[in-house]
PDB file of all heavy atoms in Angstrom:
ATOM      1  N   PHE A   1      -0.805 -11.723  -6.561  1.00  0.00           N
ATOM      2  CA  PHE A   1       0.199 -12.743  -6.889  1.00  0.00           C
ATOM      3  C   PHE A   1       0.559 -12.704  -8.377  1.00  0.00           C
ATOM      4  O   PHE A   1       1.721 -12.840  -8.755  1.00  0.00           O
ATOM      5  CB  PHE A   1      -0.315 -14.124  -6.507  1.00  0.00           C
ATOM      6  CG  PHE A   1       0.669 -15.225  -6.774  1.00  0.00           C
ATOM      7  CD1 PHE A   1       1.798 -15.375  -5.975  1.00  0.00           C
ATOM      8  CD2 PHE A   1       0.477 -16.110  -7.828  1.00  0.00           C
ATOM      9  CE1 PHE A   1       2.724 -16.392  -6.228  1.00  0.00           C
ATOM     10  CE2 PHE A   1       1.393 -17.122  -8.090  1.00  0.00           C
ATOM     11  CZ  PHE A   1       2.525 -17.255  -7.280  1.00  0.00           C
ATOM     12  N   THR A   2      -0.448 -12.511  -9.236  1.00  0.00           N
ATOM     13  CA  THR A   2      -0.204 -12.474 -10.679  1.00  0.00           C
ATOM     14  C   THR A   2       0.648 -11.266 -11.071  1.00  0.00           C
ATOM     15  O   THR A   2       1.546 -11.377 -11.906  1.00  0.00           O
ATOM     16  CB  THR A   2      -1.530 -12.445 -11.453  1.00  0.00           C
ATOM     17  OG1 THR A   2      -2.322 -13.581 -11.084  1.00  0.00           O
ATOM     18  CG2 THR A   2      -1.296 -12.474 -12.952  1.00  0.00           C
ATOM     19  N   LEU A   3       0.357 -10.109 -10.483  1.00  0.00           N
ATOM     20  CA  LEU A   3       1.160  -8.921 -10.771  1.00  0.00           C
ATOM     21  C   LEU A   3       2.588  -9.110 -10.278  1.00  0.00           C
ATOM     22  O   LEU A   3       3.548  -8.694 -10.940  1.00  0.00           O
ATOM     23  CB  LEU A   3       0.528  -7.681 -10.124  1.00  0.00           C
ATOM     24  CG  LEU A   3      -0.692  -7.109 -10.848  1.00  0.00           C
ATOM     25  CD1 LEU A   3      -1.379  -6.051  -9.999  1.00  0.00           C
ATOM     26  CD2 LEU A   3      -0.290  -6.528 -12.201  1.00  0.00           C
ATOM     27  N   PHE A   4       2.745  -9.750  -9.103  1.00  0.00           N
ATOM     28  CA  PHE A   4       4.088 -10.041  -8.603  1.00  0.00           C
ATOM     29  C   PHE A   4       4.790 -11.032  -9.524  1.00  0.00           C
ATOM     30  O   PHE A   4       5.977 -10.895  -9.833  1.00  0.00           O
ATOM     31  CB  PHE A   4       4.005 -10.601  -7.185  1.00  0.00           C
ATOM     32  CG  PHE A   4       5.336 -11.030  -6.638  1.00  0.00           C
ATOM     33  CD1 PHE A   4       6.233 -10.097  -6.148  1.00  0.00           C
ATOM     34  CD2 PHE A   4       5.691 -12.371  -6.619  1.00  0.00           C
ATOM     35  CE1 PHE A   4       7.466 -10.481  -5.653  1.00  0.00           C
ATOM     36  CE2 PHE A   4       6.926 -12.777  -6.123  1.00  0.00           C
ATOM     37  CZ  PHE A   4       7.814 -11.828  -5.641  1.00  0.00           C
ATOM     38  N   LEU A   5       4.030 -12.021  -9.983  1.00  0.00           N
ATOM     39  CA  LEU A   5       4.567 -13.062 -10.848  1.00  0.00           C
ATOM     40  C   LEU A   5       5.011 -12.502 -12.197  1.00  0.00           C
ATOM     41  O   LEU A   5       5.910 -13.041 -12.841  1.00  0.00           O
ATOM     42  CB  LEU A   5       3.497 -14.135 -11.065  1.00  0.00           C
ATOM     43  CG  LEU A   5       3.922 -15.501 -11.614  1.00  0.00           C
ATOM     44  CD1 LEU A   5       4.809 -16.215 -10.604  1.00  0.00           C
ATOM     45  CD2 LEU A   5       2.679 -16.334 -11.915  1.00  0.00           C
ATOM     46  N   SER A   6       4.385 -11.397 -12.628  1.00  0.00           N
ATOM     47  CA  SER A   6       4.714 -10.817 -13.935  1.00  0.00           C
ATOM     48  C   SER A   6       6.159 -10.342 -13.985  1.00  0.00           C
ATOM     49  O   SER A   6       6.764 -10.288 -15.060  1.00  0.00           O
ATOM     50  CB  SER A   6       3.773  -9.658 -14.256  1.00  0.00           C
ATOM     51  OG  SER A   6       4.029  -8.549 -13.406  1.00  0.00           O
ATOM     52  N   GLY A   7       6.715  -9.963 -12.834  1.00  0.00           N
ATOM     53  CA  GLY A   7       8.134  -9.677 -12.750  1.00  0.00           C
ATOM     54  C   GLY A   7       8.594  -8.347 -13.309  1.00  0.00           C
ATOM     55  O   GLY A   7       9.764  -8.010 -13.197  1.00  0.00           O
ATOM     56  N   THR A   8       7.710  -7.565 -13.930  1.00  0.00           N
ATOM     57  CA  THR A   8       8.155  -6.290 -14.496  1.00  0.00           C
ATOM     58  C   THR A   8       8.210  -5.226 -13.415  1.00  0.00           C
ATOM     59  O   THR A   8       7.393  -5.203 -12.497  1.00  0.00           O
ATOM     60  CB  THR A   8       7.220  -5.814 -15.618  1.00  0.00           C
ATOM     61  OG1 THR A   8       5.937  -5.503 -15.070  1.00  0.00           O
ATOM     62  CG2 THR A   8       7.052  -6.890 -16.675  1.00  0.00           C
ATOM     63  N   ARG A   9       9.180  -4.327 -13.528  1.00  0.00           N
ATOM     64  CA  ARG A   9       9.360  -3.292 -12.521  1.00  0.00           C
ATOM     65  C   ARG A   9       8.136  -2.393 -12.397  1.00  0.00           C
ATOM     66  O   ARG A   9       7.711  -2.049 -11.301  1.00  0.00           O
ATOM     67  CB  ARG A   9      10.589  -2.450 -12.870  1.00  0.00           C
ATOM     68  CG  ARG A   9      11.884  -3.214 -12.746  1.00  0.00           C
ATOM     69  CD  ARG A   9      12.986  -2.536 -13.548  1.00  0.00           C
ATOM     70  NE  ARG A   9      14.232  -3.284 -13.425  1.00  0.00           N
ATOM     71  CZ  ARG A   9      14.483  -4.412 -14.054  1.00  0.00           C
ATOM     72  NH1 ARG A   9      13.580  -4.921 -14.864  1.00  0.00           N
ATOM     73  NH2 ARG A   9      15.630  -5.046 -13.890  1.00  0.00           N
ATOM     74  N   ALA A  10       7.581  -1.995 -13.543  1.00  0.00           N
ATOM     75  CA  ALA A  10       6.434  -1.093 -13.521  1.00  0.00           C
ATOM     76  C   ALA A  10       5.229  -1.755 -12.847  1.00  0.00           C
ATOM     77  O   ALA A  10       4.521  -1.124 -12.059  1.00  0.00           O
ATOM     78  CB  ALA A  10       6.080  -0.662 -14.940  1.00  0.00           C
ATOM     79  N   ASN A  11       4.985  -3.035 -13.155  1.00  0.00           N
ATOM     80  CA  ASN A  11       3.890  -3.762 -12.518  1.00  0.00           C
ATOM     81  C   ASN A  11       4.087  -3.862 -11.012  1.00  0.00           C
ATOM     82  O   ASN A  11       3.165  -3.628 -10.217  1.00  0.00           O
ATOM     83  CB  ASN A  11       3.777  -5.175 -13.104  1.00  0.00           C
ATOM     84  CG  ASN A  11       3.008  -5.204 -14.409  1.00  0.00           C
ATOM     85  OD1 ASN A  11       2.646  -4.163 -14.949  1.00  0.00           O
ATOM     86  ND2 ASN A  11       2.768  -6.387 -14.926  1.00  0.00           N
ATOM     87  N   LEU A  12       5.303  -4.227 -10.595  1.00  0.00           N
ATOM     88  CA  LEU A  12       5.585  -4.396  -9.169  1.00  0.00           C
ATOM     89  C   LEU A  12       5.507  -3.085  -8.419  1.00  0.00           C
ATOM     90  O   LEU A  12       4.947  -3.016  -7.310  1.00  0.00           O
ATOM     91  CB  LEU A  12       6.969  -5.027  -8.988  1.00  0.00           C
ATOM     92  CG  LEU A  12       7.105  -6.494  -9.420  1.00  0.00           C
ATOM     93  CD1 LEU A  12       8.558  -6.937  -9.311  1.00  0.00           C
ATOM     94  CD2 LEU A  12       6.216  -7.391  -8.575  1.00  0.00           C
ATOM     95  N   LEU A  13       6.070  -2.034  -8.993  1.00  0.00           N
ATOM     96  CA  LEU A  13       6.037  -0.736  -8.324  1.00  0.00           C
ATOM     97  C   LEU A  13       4.609  -0.217  -8.208  1.00  0.00           C
ATOM     98  O   LEU A  13       4.215   0.321  -7.166  1.00  0.00           O
ATOM     99  CB  LEU A  13       6.905   0.271  -9.087  1.00  0.00           C
ATOM    100  CG  LEU A  13       7.121   1.638  -8.423  1.00  0.00           C
ATOM    101  CD1 LEU A  13       7.708   1.472  -7.024  1.00  0.00           C
ATOM    102  CD2 LEU A  13       8.028   2.520  -9.278  1.00  0.00           C
ATOM    103  N   SER A  14       3.818  -0.391  -9.270  1.00  0.00           N
ATOM    104  CA  SER A  14       2.406   0.012  -9.231  1.00  0.00           C
ATOM    105  C   SER A  14       1.648  -0.778  -8.177  1.00  0.00           C
ATOM    106  O   SER A  14       0.817  -0.221  -7.443  1.00  0.00           O
ATOM    107  CB  SER A  14       1.758  -0.184 -10.604  1.00  0.00           C
ATOM    108  OG  SER A  14       2.359   0.638 -11.562  1.00  0.00           O
ATOM    109  N   LEU A  15       1.913  -2.084  -8.108  1.00  0.00           N
ATOM    110  CA  LEU A  15       1.273  -2.936  -7.105  1.00  0.00           C
ATOM    111  C   LEU A  15       1.574  -2.442  -5.694  1.00  0.00           C
ATOM    112  O   LEU A  15       0.656  -2.282  -4.873  1.00  0.00           O
ATOM    113  CB  LEU A  15       1.758  -4.372  -7.276  1.00  0.00           C
ATOM    114  CG  LEU A  15       1.386  -5.374  -6.174  1.00  0.00           C
ATOM    115  CD1 LEU A  15      -0.120  -5.548  -6.098  1.00  0.00           C
ATOM    116  CD2 LEU A  15       2.085  -6.715  -6.417  1.00  0.00           C
ATOM    117  N   ILE A  16       2.836  -2.175  -5.408  1.00  0.00           N
ATOM    118  CA  ILE A  16       3.235  -1.729  -4.069  1.00  0.00           C
ATOM    119  C   ILE A  16       2.596  -0.395  -3.718  1.00  0.00           C
ATOM    120  O   ILE A  16       2.039  -0.220  -2.627  1.00  0.00           O
ATOM    121  CB  ILE A  16       4.772  -1.637  -3.977  1.00  0.00           C
ATOM    122  CG1 ILE A  16       5.392  -3.033  -4.064  1.00  0.00           C
ATOM    123  CG2 ILE A  16       5.199  -0.961  -2.673  1.00  0.00           C
ATOM    124  CD1 ILE A  16       6.900  -3.024  -4.239  1.00  0.00           C
ATOM    125  N   LEU A  17       2.656   0.552  -4.641  1.00  0.00           N
ATOM    126  CA  LEU A  17       2.110   1.885  -4.363  1.00  0.00           C
ATOM    127  C   LEU A  17       0.598   1.844  -4.164  1.00  0.00           C
ATOM    128  O   LEU A  17       0.060   2.539  -3.288  1.00  0.00           O
ATOM    129  CB  LEU A  17       2.470   2.840  -5.502  1.00  0.00           C
ATOM    130  CG  LEU A  17       3.954   3.214  -5.609  1.00  0.00           C
ATOM    131  CD1 LEU A  17       4.197   4.108  -6.813  1.00  0.00           C
ATOM    132  CD2 LEU A  17       4.430   3.900  -4.331  1.00  0.00           C
ATOM    133  N   ILE A  18      -0.105   1.035  -4.969  1.00  0.00           N
ATOM    134  CA  ILE A  18      -1.562   0.925  -4.814  1.00  0.00           C
ATOM    135  C   ILE A  18      -1.913   0.317  -3.458  1.00  0.00           C
ATOM    136  O   ILE A  18      -2.831   0.784  -2.768  1.00  0.00           O
ATOM    137  CB  ILE A  18      -2.162   0.099  -5.966  1.00  0.00           C
ATOM    138  CG1 ILE A  18      -2.135   0.914  -7.263  1.00  0.00           C
ATOM    139  CG2 ILE A  18      -3.603  -0.321  -5.651  1.00  0.00           C
ATOM    140  CD1 ILE A  18      -2.522   0.125  -8.494  1.00  0.00           C
ATOM    141  N   LEU A  19      -1.192  -0.730  -3.054  1.00  0.00           N
ATOM    142  CA  LEU A  19      -1.443  -1.352  -1.748  1.00  0.00           C
ATOM    143  C   LEU A  19      -1.161  -0.364  -0.616  1.00  0.00           C
ATOM    144  O   LEU A  19      -1.916  -0.294   0.367  1.00  0.00           O
ATOM    145  CB  LEU A  19      -0.582  -2.600  -1.588  1.00  0.00           C
ATOM    146  CG  LEU A  19      -0.938  -3.795  -2.481  1.00  0.00           C
ATOM    147  CD1 LEU A  19       0.056  -4.925  -2.278  1.00  0.00           C
ATOM    148  CD2 LEU A  19      -2.362  -4.280  -2.207  1.00  0.00           C
ATOM    149  N   VAL A  20      -0.088   0.405  -0.748  1.00  0.00           N
ATOM    150  CA  VAL A  20       0.252   1.410   0.276  1.00  0.00           C
ATOM    151  C   VAL A  20      -0.842   2.473   0.352  1.00  0.00           C
ATOM    152  O   VAL A  20      -1.277   2.862   1.448  1.00  0.00           O
ATOM    153  CB  VAL A  20       1.611   2.067  -0.037  1.00  0.00           C
ATOM    154  CG1 VAL A  20       1.832   3.303   0.840  1.00  0.00           C
ATOM    155  CG2 VAL A  20       2.741   1.071   0.192  1.00  0.00           C
ATOM    156  N   ILE A  21      -1.316   2.937  -0.797  1.00  0.00           N
ATOM    157  CA  ILE A  21      -2.343   3.983  -0.829  1.00  0.00           C
ATOM    158  C   ILE A  21      -3.639   3.502  -0.195  1.00  0.00           C
ATOM    159  O   ILE A  21      -4.248   4.205   0.633  1.00  0.00           O
ATOM    160  CB  ILE A  21      -2.596   4.445  -2.282  1.00  0.00           C
ATOM    161  CG1 ILE A  21      -1.396   5.248  -2.795  1.00  0.00           C
ATOM    162  CG2 ILE A  21      -3.872   5.274  -2.387  1.00  0.00           C
ATOM    163  CD1 ILE A  21      -1.447   5.532  -4.280  1.00  0.00           C
ATOM    164  N   TYR A  22      -4.080   2.289  -0.554  1.00  0.00           N
ATOM    165  CA  TYR A  22      -5.359   1.812  -0.017  1.00  0.00           C
ATOM    166  C   TYR A  22      -5.259   1.461   1.469  1.00  0.00           C
ATOM    167  O   TYR A  22      -6.238   1.646   2.213  1.00  0.00           O
ATOM    168  CB  TYR A  22      -5.866   0.620  -0.836  1.00  0.00           C
ATOM    169  CG  TYR A  22      -6.777   1.067  -1.952  1.00  0.00           C
ATOM    170  CD1 TYR A  22      -6.268   1.332  -3.219  1.00  0.00           C
ATOM    171  CD2 TYR A  22      -8.128   1.278  -1.732  1.00  0.00           C
ATOM    172  CE1 TYR A  22      -7.090   1.769  -4.239  1.00  0.00           C
ATOM    173  CE2 TYR A  22      -8.964   1.708  -2.735  1.00  0.00           C
ATOM    174  CZ  TYR A  22      -8.438   1.964  -3.991  1.00  0.00           C
ATOM    175  OH  TYR A  22      -9.260   2.417  -4.990  1.00  0.00           O
ATOM    176  N   THR A  23      -4.120   0.981   1.893  1.00  0.00           N
ATOM    177  CA  THR A  23      -3.935   0.751   3.329  1.00  0.00           C
ATOM    178  C   THR A  23      -3.978   2.070   4.069  1.00  0.00           C
ATOM    179  O   THR A  23      -4.568   2.182   5.158  1.00  0.00           O
ATOM    180  CB  THR A  23      -2.582   0.052   3.595  1.00  0.00           C
ATOM    181  OG1 THR A  23      -2.544  -1.174   2.848  1.00  0.00           O
ATOM    182  CG2 THR A  23      -2.412  -0.257   5.072  1.00  0.00           C
ATOM    183  N   ASP A  24      -3.383   3.094   3.475  1.00  0.00           N
ATOM    184  CA  ASP A  24      -3.380   4.430   4.065  1.00  0.00           C
ATOM    185  C   ASP A  24      -4.810   4.977   4.191  1.00  0.00           C
ATOM    186  O   ASP A  24      -5.193   5.520   5.235  1.00  0.00           O
ATOM    187  CB  ASP A  24      -2.533   5.354   3.197  1.00  0.00           C
ATOM    188  CG  ASP A  24      -1.939   6.510   3.992  1.00  0.00           C
ATOM    189  OD1 ASP A  24      -1.459   6.274   5.110  1.00  0.00           O
ATOM    190  OD2 ASP A  24      -1.964   7.643   3.490  1.00  0.00           O
ATOM    191  N   ILE A  25      -5.588   4.829   3.120  1.00  0.00           N
ATOM    192  CA  ILE A  25      -6.974   5.313   3.138  1.00  0.00           C
ATOM    193  C   ILE A  25      -7.796   4.569   4.191  1.00  0.00           C
ATOM    194  O   ILE A  25      -8.577   5.164   4.943  1.00  0.00           O
ATOM    195  CB  ILE A  25      -7.618   5.149   1.743  1.00  0.00           C
ATOM    196  CG1 ILE A  25      -6.912   6.052   0.724  1.00  0.00           C
ATOM    197  CG2 ILE A  25      -9.106   5.473   1.801  1.00  0.00           C
ATOM    198  CD1 ILE A  25      -7.349   5.807  -0.703  1.00  0.00           C
ATOM    199  N   TYR A  26      -7.611   3.252   4.253  1.00  0.00           N
ATOM    200  CA  TYR A  26      -8.357   2.435   5.213  1.00  0.00           C
ATOM    201  C   TYR A  26      -8.040   2.848   6.650  1.00  0.00           C
ATOM    202  O   TYR A  26      -8.951   3.036   7.472  1.00  0.00           O
ATOM    203  CB  TYR A  26      -8.030   0.964   5.004  1.00  0.00           C
ATOM    204  CG  TYR A  26      -8.648   0.051   6.039  1.00  0.00           C
ATOM    205  CD1 TYR A  26      -9.990  -0.289   5.974  1.00  0.00           C
ATOM    206  CD2 TYR A  26      -7.885  -0.447   7.098  1.00  0.00           C
ATOM    207  CE1 TYR A  26     -10.569  -1.110   6.929  1.00  0.00           C
ATOM    208  CE2 TYR A  26      -8.449  -1.270   8.062  1.00  0.00           C
ATOM    209  CZ  TYR A  26      -9.796  -1.592   7.969  1.00  0.00           C
ATOM    210  OH  TYR A  26     -10.365  -2.395   8.923  1.00  0.00           O
ATOM    211  N   LEU A  27      -6.758   3.012   6.963  1.00  0.00           N
ATOM    212  CA  LEU A  27      -6.371   3.391   8.322  1.00  0.00           C
ATOM    213  C   LEU A  27      -6.825   4.803   8.662  1.00  0.00           C
ATOM    214  O   LEU A  27      -7.198   5.081   9.809  1.00  0.00           O
ATOM    215  CB  LEU A  27      -4.852   3.279   8.479  1.00  0.00           C
ATOM    216  CG  LEU A  27      -4.281   1.857   8.424  1.00  0.00           C
ATOM    217  CD1 LEU A  27      -2.765   1.892   8.511  1.00  0.00           C
ATOM    218  CD2 LEU A  27      -4.863   0.998   9.551  1.00  0.00           C
ATOM    219  N   PHE A  28      -6.808   5.689   7.687  1.00  0.00           N
ATOM    220  CA  PHE A  28      -7.248   7.068   7.940  1.00  0.00           C
ATOM    221  C   PHE A  28      -8.704   7.114   8.382  1.00  0.00           C
ATOM    222  O   PHE A  28      -9.077   7.887   9.271  1.00  0.00           O
ATOM    223  CB  PHE A  28      -7.057   7.910   6.679  1.00  0.00           C
ATOM    224  CG  PHE A  28      -7.557   9.320   6.816  1.00  0.00           C
ATOM    225  CD1 PHE A  28      -6.821  10.264   7.509  1.00  0.00           C
ATOM    226  CD2 PHE A  28      -8.780   9.699   6.258  1.00  0.00           C
ATOM    227  CE1 PHE A  28      -7.286  11.566   7.638  1.00  0.00           C
ATOM    228  CE2 PHE A  28      -9.252  10.987   6.392  1.00  0.00           C
ATOM    229  CZ  PHE A  28      -8.502  11.931   7.082  1.00  0.00           C
ATOM    230  N   HIS A  29      -9.530   6.277   7.791  1.00  0.00           N
ATOM    231  CA  HIS A  29     -10.963   6.287   8.107  1.00  0.00           C
ATOM    232  C   HIS A  29     -11.323   5.405   9.302  1.00  0.00           C
ATOM    233  O   HIS A  29     -12.405   5.562   9.869  1.00  0.00           O
ATOM    234  CB  HIS A  29     -11.771   5.826   6.892  1.00  0.00           C
ATOM    235  CG  HIS A  29     -11.808   6.826   5.783  1.00  0.00           C
ATOM    236  ND1 HIS A  29     -12.507   8.005   5.852  1.00  0.00           N
ATOM    237  CD2 HIS A  29     -11.206   6.827   4.557  1.00  0.00           C
ATOM    238  CE1 HIS A  29     -12.360   8.691   4.739  1.00  0.00           C
ATOM    239  NE2 HIS A  29     -11.570   7.996   3.929  1.00  0.00           N
ATOM    240  N   ASN A  30     -10.426   4.492   9.698  1.00  0.00           N
ATOM    241  CA  ASN A  30     -10.802   3.534  10.737  1.00  0.00           C
ATOM    242  C   ASN A  30      -9.882   3.512  11.954  1.00  0.00           C
ATOM    243  O   ASN A  30     -10.339   3.190  13.049  1.00  0.00           O
ATOM    244  CB  ASN A  30     -10.845   2.124  10.122  1.00  0.00           C
ATOM    245  CG  ASN A  30     -11.892   2.001   9.043  1.00  0.00           C
ATOM    246  OD1 ASN A  30     -13.066   1.775   9.306  1.00  0.00           O
ATOM    247  ND2 ASN A  30     -11.469   2.135   7.788  1.00  0.00           N
ATOM    248  N   HIS A  31      -8.619   3.822  11.770  1.00  0.00           N
ATOM    249  CA  HIS A  31      -7.673   3.750  12.888  1.00  0.00           C
ATOM    250  C   HIS A  31      -6.697   4.921  12.791  1.00  0.00           C
ATOM    251  O   HIS A  31      -5.601   4.776  12.229  1.00  0.00           O
ATOM    252  CB  HIS A  31      -6.916   2.420  12.889  1.00  0.00           C
ATOM    253  CG  HIS A  31      -7.805   1.215  12.894  1.00  0.00           C
ATOM    254  ND1 HIS A  31      -8.435   0.758  14.037  1.00  0.00           N
ATOM    255  CD2 HIS A  31      -8.176   0.371  11.893  1.00  0.00           C
ATOM    256  CE1 HIS A  31      -9.146  -0.319  13.743  1.00  0.00           C
ATOM    257  NE2 HIS A  31      -9.005  -0.570  12.446  1.00  0.00           N
ATOM    258  N   LYS A  32      -7.085   6.070  13.340  1.00  0.00           N
ATOM    259  CA  LYS A  32      -6.278   7.273  13.180  1.00  0.00           C
ATOM    260  C   LYS A  32      -4.882   7.126  13.790  1.00  0.00           C
ATOM    261  O   LYS A  32      -3.896   7.608  13.221  1.00  0.00           O
ATOM    262  CB  LYS A  32      -7.003   8.466  13.816  1.00  0.00           C
ATOM    263  CG  LYS A  32      -8.274   8.873  13.077  1.00  0.00           C
ATOM    264  CD  LYS A  32      -7.946   9.388  11.681  1.00  0.00           C
ATOM    265  CE  LYS A  32      -9.210   9.651  10.865  1.00  0.00           C
ATOM    266  NZ  LYS A  32     -10.085  10.679  11.427  1.00  0.00           N
ATOM    267  N   LYS A  33      -4.771   6.476  14.933  1.00  0.00           N
ATOM    268  CA  LYS A  33      -3.459   6.315  15.562  1.00  0.00           C
ATOM    269  C   LYS A  33      -2.562   5.410  14.720  1.00  0.00           C
ATOM    270  O   LYS A  33      -1.378   5.689  14.520  1.00  0.00           O
ATOM    271  CB  LYS A  33      -3.607   5.753  16.976  1.00  0.00           C
ATOM    272  CG  LYS A  33      -4.264   6.725  17.956  1.00  0.00           C
ATOM    273  CD  LYS A  33      -4.341   6.123  19.345  1.00  0.00           C
ATOM    274  CE  LYS A  33      -4.978   7.117  20.319  1.00  0.00           C
ATOM    275  NZ  LYS A  33      -5.077   6.549  21.690  1.00  0.00           N
ATOM    276  N   LEU A  34      -3.139   4.302  14.261  1.00  0.00           N
ATOM    277  CA  LEU A  34      -2.377   3.407  13.394  1.00  0.00           C
ATOM    278  C   LEU A  34      -2.017   4.093  12.078  1.00  0.00           C
ATOM    279  O   LEU A  34      -0.967   3.810  11.489  1.00  0.00           O
ATOM    280  CB  LEU A  34      -3.174   2.138  13.108  1.00  0.00           C
ATOM    281  CG  LEU A  34      -3.246   1.105  14.227  1.00  0.00           C
ATOM    282  CD1 LEU A  34      -4.123  -0.070  13.806  1.00  0.00           C
ATOM    283  CD2 LEU A  34      -1.851   0.618  14.600  1.00  0.00           C
ATOM    284  N   PHE A  35      -2.876   4.996  11.629  1.00  0.00           N
ATOM    285  CA  PHE A  35      -2.622   5.748  10.408  1.00  0.00           C
ATOM    286  C   PHE A  35      -1.325   6.546  10.531  1.00  0.00           C
ATOM    287  O   PHE A  35      -0.486   6.546   9.617  1.00  0.00           O
ATOM    288  CB  PHE A  35      -3.805   6.685  10.122  1.00  0.00           C
ATOM    289  CG  PHE A  35      -3.548   7.698   9.043  1.00  0.00           C
ATOM    290  CD1 PHE A  35      -3.571   7.340   7.703  1.00  0.00           C
ATOM    291  CD2 PHE A  35      -3.289   9.031   9.371  1.00  0.00           C
ATOM    292  CE1 PHE A  35      -3.334   8.284   6.712  1.00  0.00           C
ATOM    293  CE2 PHE A  35      -3.048   9.965   8.387  1.00  0.00           C
ATOM    294  CZ  PHE A  35      -3.075   9.601   7.058  1.00  0.00           C
ATOM    295  N   ILE A  36      -1.145   7.206  11.670  1.00  0.00           N
ATOM    296  CA  ILE A  36       0.069   8.001  11.898  1.00  0.00           C
ATOM    297  C   ILE A  36       1.295   7.090  11.963  1.00  0.00           C
ATOM    298  O   ILE A  36       2.323   7.357  11.327  1.00  0.00           O
ATOM    299  CB  ILE A  36      -0.065   8.831  13.182  1.00  0.00           C
ATOM    300  CG1 ILE A  36      -1.210   9.848  13.026  1.00  0.00           C
ATOM    301  CG2 ILE A  36       1.237   9.553  13.506  1.00  0.00           C
ATOM    302  CD1 ILE A  36      -1.544  10.574  14.307  1.00  0.00           C
ATOM    303  N   LEU A  37       1.187   6.002  12.732  1.00  0.00           N
ATOM    304  CA  LEU A  37       2.315   5.073  12.854  1.00  0.00           C
ATOM    305  C   LEU A  37       2.653   4.436  11.508  1.00  0.00           C
ATOM    306  O   LEU A  37       3.835   4.251  11.175  1.00  0.00           O
ATOM    307  CB  LEU A  37       1.976   3.980  13.877  1.00  0.00           C
ATOM    308  CG  LEU A  37       1.863   4.441  15.340  1.00  0.00           C
ATOM    309  CD1 LEU A  37       1.365   3.290  16.210  1.00  0.00           C
ATOM    310  CD2 LEU A  37       3.204   4.948  15.843  1.00  0.00           C
ATOM    311  N   TYR A  38       1.619   4.093  10.760  1.00  0.00           N
ATOM    312  CA  TYR A  38       1.823   3.465   9.455  1.00  0.00           C
ATOM    313  C   TYR A  38       2.568   4.391   8.505  1.00  0.00           C
ATOM    314  O   TYR A  38       3.515   3.971   7.816  1.00  0.00           O
ATOM    315  CB  TYR A  38       0.469   3.074   8.859  1.00  0.00           C
ATOM    316  CG  TYR A  38       0.527   2.583   7.431  1.00  0.00           C
ATOM    317  CD1 TYR A  38       0.983   1.301   7.147  1.00  0.00           C
ATOM    318  CD2 TYR A  38       0.124   3.395   6.367  1.00  0.00           C
ATOM    319  CE1 TYR A  38       1.029   0.833   5.838  1.00  0.00           C
ATOM    320  CE2 TYR A  38       0.165   2.940   5.065  1.00  0.00           C
ATOM    321  CZ  TYR A  38       0.628   1.663   4.808  1.00  0.00           C
ATOM    322  OH  TYR A  38       0.683   1.218   3.514  1.00  0.00           O
ATOM    323  N   ASN A  39       2.171   5.648   8.461  1.00  0.00           N
ATOM    324  CA  ASN A  39       2.833   6.598   7.574  1.00  0.00           C
ATOM    325  C   ASN A  39       4.279   6.863   7.994  1.00  0.00           C
ATOM    326  O   ASN A  39       5.156   7.036   7.145  1.00  0.00           O
ATOM    327  CB  ASN A  39       2.049   7.913   7.514  1.00  0.00           C
ATOM    328  CG  ASN A  39       0.856   7.826   6.578  1.00  0.00           C
ATOM    329  OD1 ASN A  39       0.973   7.977   5.377  1.00  0.00           O
ATOM    330  ND2 ASN A  39      -0.317   7.549   7.149  1.00  0.00           N
ATOM    331  N   GLU A  40       4.510   6.884   9.299  1.00  0.00           N
ATOM    332  CA  GLU A  40       5.887   7.036   9.777  1.00  0.00           C
ATOM    333  C   GLU A  40       6.728   5.819   9.364  1.00  0.00           C
ATOM    334  O   GLU A  40       7.882   5.959   8.933  1.00  0.00           O
ATOM    335  CB  GLU A  40       5.908   7.196  11.288  1.00  0.00           C
ATOM    336  CG  GLU A  40       5.326   8.520  11.759  1.00  0.00           C
ATOM    337  CD  GLU A  40       5.280   8.623  13.285  1.00  0.00           C
ATOM    338  OE1 GLU A  40       5.488   7.570  13.952  1.00  0.00           O
ATOM    339  OE2 GLU A  40       5.030   9.720  13.803  1.00  0.00           O
ATOM    340  N   PHE A  41       6.125   4.651   9.478  1.00  0.00           N
ATOM    341  CA  PHE A  41       6.822   3.419   9.084  1.00  0.00           C
ATOM    342  C   PHE A  41       7.129   3.421   7.588  1.00  0.00           C
ATOM    343  O   PHE A  41       8.249   3.102   7.165  1.00  0.00           O
ATOM    344  CB  PHE A  41       5.963   2.210   9.457  1.00  0.00           C
ATOM    345  CG  PHE A  41       6.488   0.901   8.946  1.00  0.00           C
ATOM    346  CD1 PHE A  41       7.549   0.272   9.579  1.00  0.00           C
ATOM    347  CD2 PHE A  41       5.926   0.307   7.823  1.00  0.00           C
ATOM    348  CE1 PHE A  41       8.045  -0.936   9.105  1.00  0.00           C
ATOM    349  CE2 PHE A  41       6.413  -0.894   7.343  1.00  0.00           C
ATOM    350  CZ  PHE A  41       7.482  -1.514   7.986  1.00  0.00           C
TER     351      PHE A  41
END
């Protein structure tokens, strides 16, 4: 929330990419089918 609240493009873009990366890693190790669907999405 604080990074979103900061309002800067670099902060927001970094926040989004980090969340996408960690969600990707989590699904790869725990839900392979969801991992494929998630990456397609």
